[in-house]
Amino acid sequence: MAISPNNPGLLIVLCGPSGVGKSTISRDLAEKYSVSYIVSATTRPKREGDDKGKQYQHISKDEFFRRLEADEFLEYAQNYDDYYGTPKHPALDLLGTGKDILLEIDVQGALQVRFQYPQCLAIFILPPDEPTLLRRLEARGRDSADEIAKRFRAAKREIHMAKGSRTFDYMVINDDLHLAVEEIIKIIKHKRSGGI
């Protein structure tokens, strides 16, 4: 099923680097605004605390590549040594019923979605500044110092790439979670009313 211009469902892409608060924002949006959250599939092994954060469907690499070959992903990306993908049919089926759906994905995936579905609403979440982002990465308490440094370098690259591309319609700074969520809801309502 393709998304047509007459389709009332809105495809919302929420993107940003590790530690910027995407998962928390996504959960709040799902609670405060009538948006359906699509669970990504990943080859990453389940970690302690996964049930408290972003939800994943954990699958093997063989199963991931089988699904990729069968064109079952809306988008996919490799992040470090693992693969992530958004199941296509749940997303498109919900859009077909007029539901707004939310994808929480990385820059690679956002570029794919923008290319395939130019009418999507793409929002990039920024940290207030680099020191705050580094503190947030450290505060998660689940990565080694080397892993934090790697994620911090990757985050800076993603932010630079996002700012230099035309992929994103809006950039929202997550300094205050409540204000960031309210701003995103206003953006969604504006887009739903025919705005850009």
Protein backbone atom coordinates (compact mmCIF):
# COMPACT_ATOMS: atom_id res chain seq x y z
CA MET A 1 0.00 0.00 0.00
CA ALA A 2 1.38 3.43 -0.91
CA ILE A 3 0.67 6.63 0.93
CA SER A 4 -1.47 8.85 -1.27
CA PRO A 5 -1.84 12.64 -1.04
CA ASN A 6 -5.49 12.09 -0.02
CA ASN A 7 -4.52 9.81 2.85
CA PRO A 8 -5.44 11.48 6.14
CA GLY A 9 -2.74 9.61 8.09
CA LEU A 10 0.45 11.54 8.84
CA LEU A 11 3.85 9.85 8.81
CA ILE A 12 5.94 11.52 11.55
CA VAL A 13 9.68 10.90 11.68
CA LEU A 14 11.41 11.70 14.96
CA CYS A 15 15.16 11.65 14.71
CA GLY A 16 18.19 12.65 16.74
CA PRO A 17 21.42 11.31 18.20
CA SER A 18 21.79 8.98 21.18
CA GLY A 19 21.10 10.69 24.49
CA VAL A 20 18.93 13.48 23.13
CA GLY A 21 15.70 12.08 24.60
CA LYS A 22 13.94 10.63 21.54
CA SER A 23 12.49 7.64 23.38
CA THR A 24 11.10 9.74 26.22
CA ILE A 25 9.62 12.24 23.77
CA SER A 26 8.10 9.39 21.72
CA ARG A 27 6.45 7.88 24.81
CA ASP A 28 5.04 11.27 25.81
CA LEU A 29 3.73 11.90 22.29
CA ALA A 30 2.03 8.50 22.24
CA GLU A 31 0.32 9.37 25.55
CA LYS A 32 -0.58 13.03 24.91
CA TYR A 33 -1.35 12.99 21.20
CA SER A 34 -3.21 10.37 19.21
CA VAL A 35 -0.21 8.90 17.42
CA SER A 36 0.62 5.23 16.90
CA TYR A 37 4.18 4.24 17.68
CA ILE A 38 5.76 1.66 15.36
CA VAL A 39 8.13 -0.79 17.08
CA SER A 40 11.43 -1.27 15.24
CA ALA A 41 13.03 -4.64 14.61
CA THR A 42 16.67 -4.99 15.60
CA THR A 43 19.44 -7.55 15.60
CA ARG A 44 20.78 -5.98 18.81
CA PRO A 45 20.57 -8.35 21.77
CA LYS A 46 18.12 -7.32 24.48
CA ARG A 47 19.74 -5.23 27.21
CA GLU A 48 18.83 -4.65 30.81
CA GLY A 49 16.47 -1.69 30.93
CA ASP A 50 15.09 -2.15 27.40
CA ASP A 51 11.59 -2.59 28.78
CA LYS A 52 11.81 0.84 30.41
CA GLY A 53 12.95 2.63 27.25
CA LYS A 54 12.33 2.23 23.56
CA GLN A 55 10.58 -1.02 22.64
CA TYR A 56 12.19 -3.31 20.06
CA GLN A 57 11.35 -6.54 18.32
CA HIS A 58 14.60 -8.51 18.73
CA ILE A 59 15.38 -10.81 15.80
CA SER A 60 18.42 -12.64 14.43
CA LYS A 61 20.57 -11.22 11.63
CA ASP A 62 19.39 -14.06 9.37
CA GLU A 63 15.76 -13.10 10.00
CA PHE A 64 16.56 -9.41 9.51
CA PHE A 65 18.16 -10.05 6.12
CA ARG A 66 15.31 -12.37 5.11
CA ARG A 67 12.85 -9.55 5.83
CA LEU A 68 15.07 -7.03 4.07
CA GLU A 69 15.22 -9.25 0.97
CA ALA A 70 11.41 -9.59 1.09
CA ASP A 71 11.06 -5.76 1.14
CA GLU A 72 9.38 -5.84 4.56
CA PHE A 73 11.06 -2.70 5.93
CA LEU A 74 9.98 0.89 5.43
CA GLU A 75 13.54 1.89 6.25
CA TYR A 76 16.58 0.24 7.77
CA ALA A 77 20.01 1.20 9.01
CA GLN A 78 23.16 -0.25 10.47
CA ASN A 79 24.13 1.30 13.78
CA TYR A 80 27.49 0.14 15.11
CA ASP A 81 27.39 -3.67 14.67
CA ASP A 82 23.61 -4.05 14.70
CA TYR A 83 20.79 -3.51 12.23
CA TYR A 84 17.50 -1.71 12.80
CA GLY A 85 14.42 -1.56 10.60
CA THR A 86 10.85 -0.29 10.66
CA PRO A 87 8.32 -2.96 9.63
CA LYS A 88 6.59 -1.61 6.53
CA HIS A 89 3.11 -3.12 6.67
CA PRO A 90 2.08 -2.14 10.21
CA ALA A 91 3.09 1.46 9.40
CA LEU A 92 1.38 1.66 6.02
CA ASP A 93 -1.70 -0.21 7.21
CA LEU A 94 -2.21 2.27 10.06
CA LEU A 95 -1.68 5.23 7.73
CA GLY A 96 -4.28 3.72 5.42
CA THR A 97 -6.84 3.88 8.23
CA GLY A 98 -6.11 7.57 8.80
CA LYS A 99 -3.93 7.10 11.90
CA ASP A 100 -0.90 9.30 12.47
CA ILE A 101 2.17 7.15 13.03
CA LEU A 102 5.48 7.92 14.69
CA LEU A 103 8.83 6.49 13.64
CA GLU A 104 11.74 6.99 16.03
CA ILE A 105 14.72 6.38 13.76
CA ASP A 106 18.24 7.55 13.01
CA VAL A 107 19.47 9.90 10.27
CA GLN A 108 20.12 7.05 7.79
CA GLY A 109 16.53 5.88 8.14
CA ALA A 110 15.12 9.41 7.98
CA LEU A 111 16.88 9.99 4.65
CA GLN A 112 15.27 6.82 3.25
CA VAL A 113 11.80 7.75 4.49
CA ARG A 114 12.10 11.31 3.14
CA PHE A 115 13.10 9.96 -0.28
CA GLN A 116 10.27 7.39 -0.44
CA TYR A 117 7.59 9.49 1.29
CA PRO A 118 8.41 13.18 0.72
CA GLN A 119 5.13 14.25 2.37
CA CYS A 120 6.26 12.91 5.77
CA LEU A 121 6.86 15.27 8.70
CA ALA A 122 10.51 14.97 9.74
CA ILE A 123 11.63 16.44 13.06
CA PHE A 124 15.19 16.39 14.36
CA ILE A 125 15.73 16.59 18.13
CA LEU A 126 18.75 18.60 19.27
CA PRO A 127 20.39 18.78 22.68
CA PRO A 128 20.70 22.24 24.25
CA ASP A 129 24.50 22.01 23.79
CA GLU A 130 27.31 19.45 23.55
CA PRO A 131 28.21 19.36 27.29
CA THR A 132 24.55 18.59 28.13
CA LEU A 133 24.48 15.80 25.55
CA LEU A 134 27.66 14.28 26.98
CA ARG A 135 26.21 14.43 30.52
CA ARG A 136 23.03 12.70 29.32
CA LEU A 137 25.02 9.93 27.63
CA GLU A 138 27.01 9.39 30.83
CA ALA A 139 23.89 9.51 33.03
CA ARG A 140 22.28 6.60 31.18
CA GLY A 141 24.74 4.38 33.04
CA ARG A 142 24.74 1.56 30.53
CA ASP A 143 27.79 2.24 28.35
CA SER A 144 31.53 2.07 28.93
CA ALA A 145 33.64 5.24 28.67
CA ASP A 146 34.79 4.11 25.19
CA GLU A 147 31.20 3.51 24.08
CA ILE A 148 30.12 6.92 25.41
CA ALA A 149 32.97 8.60 23.52
CA LYS A 150 31.98 6.73 20.34
CA ARG A 151 28.32 7.72 20.72
CA PHE A 152 29.28 11.34 21.45
CA ARG A 153 31.41 11.54 18.28
CA ALA A 154 28.60 9.93 16.26
CA ALA A 155 26.07 12.37 17.75
CA LYS A 156 28.15 15.38 16.69
CA ARG A 157 28.38 13.95 13.14
CA GLU A 158 24.61 13.33 13.02
CA ILE A 159 23.81 16.85 14.23
CA HIS A 160 26.18 18.36 11.65
CA MET A 161 24.68 16.21 8.88
CA ALA A 162 21.09 17.04 9.93
CA LYS A 163 21.73 20.77 10.02
CA GLY A 164 23.31 20.64 6.55
CA SER A 165 20.54 18.62 4.89
CA ARG A 166 17.04 19.37 3.67
CA THR A 167 15.70 16.17 5.17
CA PHE A 168 14.15 17.74 8.27
CA ASP A 169 11.20 20.10 8.34
CA TYR A 170 11.85 21.21 11.92
CA MET A 171 14.59 21.12 14.55
CA VAL A 172 13.44 21.04 18.18
CA ILE A 173 15.79 21.59 21.12
CA ASN A 174 15.10 19.23 24.03
CA ASP A 175 16.14 21.42 26.93
CA ASP A 176 12.86 20.97 28.80
CA LEU A 177 10.99 17.74 28.01
CA HIS A 178 7.50 19.18 28.54
CA LEU A 179 8.20 22.19 26.30
CA ALA A 180 9.79 20.03 23.59
CA VAL A 181 6.76 17.69 23.51
CA GLU A 182 4.35 20.65 23.41
CA GLU A 183 6.32 22.19 20.54
CA ILE A 184 6.21 18.93 18.58
CA ILE A 185 2.44 18.61 19.14
CA LYS A 186 2.00 22.17 17.79
CA ILE A 187 4.12 21.24 14.75
CA ILE A 188 2.01 18.11 14.11
CA LYS A 189 -1.25 20.08 14.43
CA HIS A 190 0.10 22.75 12.07
CA LYS A 191 1.02 20.08 9.49
CA ARG A 192 -2.38 18.40 9.92
CA SER A 193 -4.11 21.73 9.22
CA GLY A 194 -2.30 22.08 5.90
CA GLY A 195 0.85 23.87 7.02
CA ILE A 196 4.39 22.91 6.08
